[in-house]
Amino acid sequence: MKVTLQAPGLVVADHVLPAETFEAVADEVDAGEYHSVHARRWDKAWRLSDGQPLRGPSVRFDPAGLLDQGQVSYPTGTSVDALVDAARELADRFPDVAGTQGADWRAMFVAPWLYPVGSALSLHLDGGKYTGAFTFFAHRSWSLHWGGELFVFHDADPVAPSRGYDQDEDSSGIATCIVPYPNRLVLLGPDRPHMIRRVDTNAGTHVRASLAGFFLRV
């Protein structure tokens, strides 16, 4: 794992998993079962014009057994365990971003997400029950011309954070652009508004695939 970028509330690491492990993770994501992010209700992190992103079932890292027992628990015996370990390792190396296990966060969960052509994620802040988030890009190839970049903006006004944060007038218009290159892991603090640019038609049948999740606050 090589840290490519370190900034307040943001770390980007590349070459996160060994090649064979990455291939196994990509296979797991390819073989997953998915449903619309709006399958149960409208999740307002996405505008209705954000296309049709899909998500799969969650895996939890929950050593204290505090979460819903119906979810799949780490260790799963699959390659996803290696990604959970990598996310924990990166969080441990940079506790100022997402906090420290035990002191700040008590559990984490991760799920696969697919963004086909035309799908996006509007500008938002993650909920207050999280100390941070992470995203691992699990597609095998990606082009600069395919869209799907993760834009991370400056810290939001701390008095009014919400998952629905979407006030364009409050944005400086300056963001860090992270291309979703394969085998890249992004660690994100709780006060960094972010969005996913729409996947461009140039991507064709290529899908922006990721494993992403959150650290749950103590």
Protein backbone atom coordinates (compact mmCIF):
# COMPACT_ATOMS: atom_id res chain seq x y z
CA MET A 1 0.00 0.00 0.00
CA LYS A 2 1.40 3.38 -1.07
CA VAL A 3 -0.06 6.65 0.22
CA THR A 4 -0.50 8.94 -2.79
CA LEU A 5 -2.26 11.89 -1.16
CA GLN A 6 -2.60 13.10 2.41
CA ALA A 7 -4.68 16.18 3.25
CA PRO A 8 -6.96 17.26 6.13
CA GLY A 9 -9.77 14.73 6.29
CA LEU A 10 -8.56 12.88 3.20
CA VAL A 11 -6.07 10.10 2.39
CA VAL A 12 -5.64 8.28 -0.93
CA ALA A 13 -3.64 5.05 -1.17
CA ASP A 14 -2.75 3.05 -4.28
CA HIS A 15 -1.61 -0.54 -4.91
CA VAL A 16 -3.60 -1.46 -1.83
CA LEU A 17 -4.01 -5.20 -2.39
CA PRO A 18 -1.66 -7.73 -4.00
CA ALA A 19 -2.59 -8.45 -7.62
CA GLU A 20 -4.06 -11.89 -6.91
CA THR A 21 -6.12 -10.58 -4.00
CA PHE A 22 -7.38 -7.66 -6.06
CA GLU A 23 -8.51 -10.06 -8.80
CA ALA A 24 -10.35 -12.13 -6.21
CA VAL A 25 -12.08 -9.02 -4.84
CA ALA A 26 -13.06 -7.96 -8.37
CA ASP A 27 -14.51 -11.43 -8.94
CA GLU A 28 -16.51 -11.16 -5.70
CA VAL A 29 -17.92 -7.79 -6.78
CA ASP A 30 -18.74 -9.12 -10.25
CA ALA A 31 -20.63 -12.08 -8.79
CA GLY A 32 -22.63 -10.09 -6.24
CA GLU A 33 -26.38 -9.58 -6.02
CA TYR A 34 -27.47 -5.94 -6.39
CA HIS A 35 -30.53 -3.75 -5.98
CA SER A 36 -31.32 -0.11 -6.59
CA VAL A 37 -30.19 2.31 -3.88
CA HIS A 38 -33.86 3.36 -3.79
CA ALA A 39 -35.25 -0.18 -3.47
CA ARG A 40 -36.77 0.47 -0.02
CA ARG A 41 -37.31 4.22 -0.22
CA TRP A 42 -35.84 7.30 -1.85
CA ASP A 43 -32.36 7.72 -0.36
CA LYS A 44 -32.00 11.47 -0.61
CA ALA A 45 -28.21 11.37 -0.81
CA TRP A 46 -29.04 10.79 -4.48
CA ARG A 47 -31.14 13.12 -6.58
CA LEU A 48 -33.79 11.36 -8.62
CA SER A 49 -31.83 12.47 -11.67
CA ASP A 50 -28.69 10.67 -10.44
CA GLY A 51 -29.46 7.60 -12.49
CA GLN A 52 -29.61 4.07 -11.12
CA PRO A 53 -26.68 3.26 -8.81
CA LEU A 54 -26.83 -0.24 -7.36
CA ARG A 55 -25.64 -1.71 -4.07
CA GLY A 56 -25.07 -5.18 -2.71
CA PRO A 57 -25.28 -6.72 0.77
CA SER A 58 -23.13 -5.35 3.59
CA VAL A 59 -20.35 -7.06 5.50
CA ARG A 60 -19.80 -5.81 9.03
CA PHE A 61 -16.68 -5.65 11.19
CA ASP A 62 -18.28 -5.72 14.62
CA PRO A 63 -16.02 -7.27 17.28
CA ALA A 64 -18.38 -6.27 20.11
CA GLY A 65 -21.47 -7.68 18.38
CA LEU A 66 -23.35 -4.39 18.48
CA LEU A 67 -24.93 -4.37 15.02
CA ASP A 68 -27.83 -6.19 13.38
CA GLN A 69 -27.11 -9.89 13.69
CA GLY A 70 -28.68 -10.50 10.29
CA GLN A 71 -25.69 -9.08 8.43
CA VAL A 72 -22.67 -11.07 7.26
CA SER A 73 -19.80 -10.68 9.71
CA TYR A 74 -16.05 -10.39 9.29
CA PRO A 75 -14.18 -12.66 8.87
CA THR A 76 -16.15 -13.96 5.92
CA GLY A 77 -13.49 -16.33 4.60
CA THR A 78 -13.53 -14.41 1.31
CA SER A 79 -11.21 -11.88 -0.29
CA VAL A 80 -13.37 -9.08 1.11
CA ASP A 81 -11.64 -9.70 4.45
CA ALA A 82 -8.41 -8.36 2.93
CA LEU A 83 -10.15 -5.12 2.00
CA VAL A 84 -11.58 -4.76 5.52
CA ASP A 85 -8.07 -5.26 6.89
CA ALA A 86 -6.66 -2.66 4.49
CA ALA A 87 -9.30 -0.08 5.45
CA ARG A 88 -8.62 -0.66 9.14
CA GLU A 89 -4.87 -0.38 8.56
CA LEU A 90 -5.22 2.92 6.73
CA ALA A 91 -7.55 4.28 9.41
CA ASP A 92 -5.06 3.26 12.11
CA ARG A 93 -2.24 5.04 10.28
CA PHE A 94 -4.25 8.25 9.99
CA PRO A 95 -6.44 8.48 13.12
CA ASP A 96 -6.96 12.21 12.54
CA VAL A 97 -9.12 11.37 9.52
CA ALA A 98 -11.68 8.80 10.73
CA GLY A 99 -10.72 8.33 14.37
CA THR A 100 -9.36 5.42 16.39
CA GLN A 101 -11.02 2.04 16.82
CA GLY A 102 -12.51 1.71 20.30
CA ALA A 103 -12.06 5.35 21.24
CA ASP A 104 -13.90 6.95 18.30
CA TRP A 105 -15.51 4.16 16.30
CA ARG A 106 -16.84 0.80 17.43
CA ALA A 107 -17.66 -1.01 14.20
CA MET A 108 -17.56 -0.65 10.44
CA PHE A 109 -19.41 -2.00 7.47
CA VAL A 110 -18.71 -2.26 3.78
CA ALA A 111 -20.89 -2.96 0.74
CA PRO A 112 -20.33 -3.22 -3.02
CA TRP A 113 -21.64 -0.38 -5.19
CA LEU A 114 -22.08 -0.21 -8.96
CA TYR A 115 -22.39 3.00 -10.99
CA PRO A 116 -23.29 2.27 -14.63
CA VAL A 117 -23.27 4.89 -17.38
CA GLY A 118 -25.46 7.86 -16.46
CA SER A 119 -25.31 7.37 -12.69
CA ALA A 120 -23.86 9.79 -10.15
CA LEU A 121 -24.00 10.84 -6.48
CA SER A 122 -24.90 14.41 -5.61
CA LEU A 123 -22.96 16.62 -3.20
CA HIS A 124 -23.55 15.53 0.40
CA LEU A 125 -22.12 14.97 3.86
CA ASP A 126 -22.33 11.56 5.48
CA GLY A 127 -24.47 11.18 8.58
CA GLY A 128 -23.36 12.22 12.05
CA LYS A 129 -23.29 8.63 13.32
CA TYR A 130 -20.13 8.02 11.27
CA THR A 131 -16.57 9.10 12.11
CA GLY A 132 -15.51 8.64 8.51
CA ALA A 133 -15.88 6.64 5.34
CA PHE A 134 -13.80 4.71 2.83
CA THR A 135 -14.06 3.71 -0.81
CA PHE A 136 -12.06 1.05 -2.66
CA PHE A 137 -12.25 0.90 -6.46
CA ALA A 138 -12.77 -2.69 -7.57
CA HIS A 139 -13.18 -2.43 -11.36
CA ARG A 140 -10.27 -3.83 -13.38
CA SER A 141 -9.74 -0.79 -15.62
CA TRP A 142 -10.73 2.86 -15.76
CA SER A 143 -10.08 5.73 -18.18
CA LEU A 144 -9.79 9.44 -17.50
CA HIS A 145 -12.54 9.92 -20.09
CA TRP A 146 -15.11 7.71 -18.36
CA GLY A 147 -16.14 10.08 -15.56
CA GLY A 148 -17.03 8.71 -12.15
CA GLU A 149 -14.47 10.84 -10.33
CA LEU A 150 -14.81 11.43 -6.60
CA PHE A 151 -14.83 15.16 -5.84
CA VAL A 152 -13.96 16.09 -2.25
CA PHE A 153 -14.69 19.67 -1.20
CA HIS A 154 -13.45 21.79 1.70
CA ASP A 155 -14.80 21.29 5.22
CA ALA A 156 -18.46 22.17 5.56
CA ASP A 157 -19.90 24.63 8.07
CA PRO A 158 -19.85 22.54 11.26
CA VAL A 159 -23.13 23.99 12.58
CA ALA A 160 -25.30 22.40 9.91
CA PRO A 161 -23.86 19.10 8.63
CA SER A 162 -26.38 16.72 7.09
CA ARG A 163 -26.51 13.83 4.68
CA GLY A 164 -28.56 16.04 2.37
CA TYR A 165 -25.98 18.84 2.21
CA ASP A 166 -26.47 20.32 -1.23
CA GLN A 167 -26.21 24.10 -1.08
CA ASP A 168 -24.25 25.12 -4.17
CA GLU A 169 -23.92 28.66 -2.86
CA ASP A 170 -21.99 27.39 0.18
CA SER A 171 -19.33 25.71 -1.95
CA SER A 172 -16.05 27.38 -2.83
CA GLY A 173 -16.17 25.60 -6.16
CA ILE A 174 -12.74 24.11 -5.45
CA ALA A 175 -12.39 20.38 -4.86
CA THR A 176 -9.87 17.56 -4.92
CA CYS A 177 -10.58 15.29 -7.90
CA ILE A 178 -9.84 11.60 -7.35
CA VAL A 179 -9.94 9.40 -10.45
CA PRO A 180 -11.31 5.95 -9.55
CA TYR A 181 -8.27 3.98 -10.60
CA PRO A 182 -8.36 0.25 -9.77
CA ASN A 183 -6.92 -0.93 -6.45
CA ARG A 184 -7.15 2.59 -4.98
CA LEU A 185 -8.47 3.21 -1.45
CA VAL A 186 -9.82 6.57 -0.26
CA LEU A 187 -10.23 7.41 3.43
CA LEU A 188 -12.55 10.34 4.09
CA GLY A 189 -13.27 12.34 7.24
CA PRO A 190 -16.80 13.21 8.39
CA ASP A 191 -16.60 16.92 7.54
CA ARG A 192 -15.67 16.69 3.86
CA PRO A 193 -18.60 17.21 1.46
CA HIS A 194 -18.19 14.96 -1.55
CA MET A 195 -19.87 13.81 -4.73
CA ILE A 196 -19.39 11.32 -7.55
CA ARG A 197 -19.34 12.73 -11.05
CA ARG A 198 -21.71 11.10 -13.51
CA VAL A 199 -20.27 8.10 -15.34
CA ASP A 200 -19.82 9.21 -18.94
CA THR A 201 -21.17 7.48 -22.03
CA ASN A 202 -17.54 6.93 -23.04
CA ALA A 203 -17.46 4.20 -20.38
CA GLY A 204 -19.77 2.07 -22.52
CA THR A 205 -20.42 -1.22 -20.74
CA HIS A 206 -17.75 -0.52 -18.11
CA VAL A 207 -19.22 -0.04 -14.64
CA ARG A 208 -17.68 1.98 -11.82
CA ALA A 209 -17.42 -0.69 -9.13
CA SER A 210 -16.41 -0.07 -5.54
CA LEU A 211 -16.48 -1.46 -2.05
CA ALA A 212 -17.36 1.39 0.27
CA GLY A 213 -18.43 1.78 3.85
CA PHE A 214 -18.40 3.69 7.09
CA PHE A 215 -16.89 3.72 10.57
CA LEU A 216 -19.67 3.83 13.19
CA ARG A 217 -19.21 6.31 16.00
CA VAL A 218 -18.85 5.05 19.58
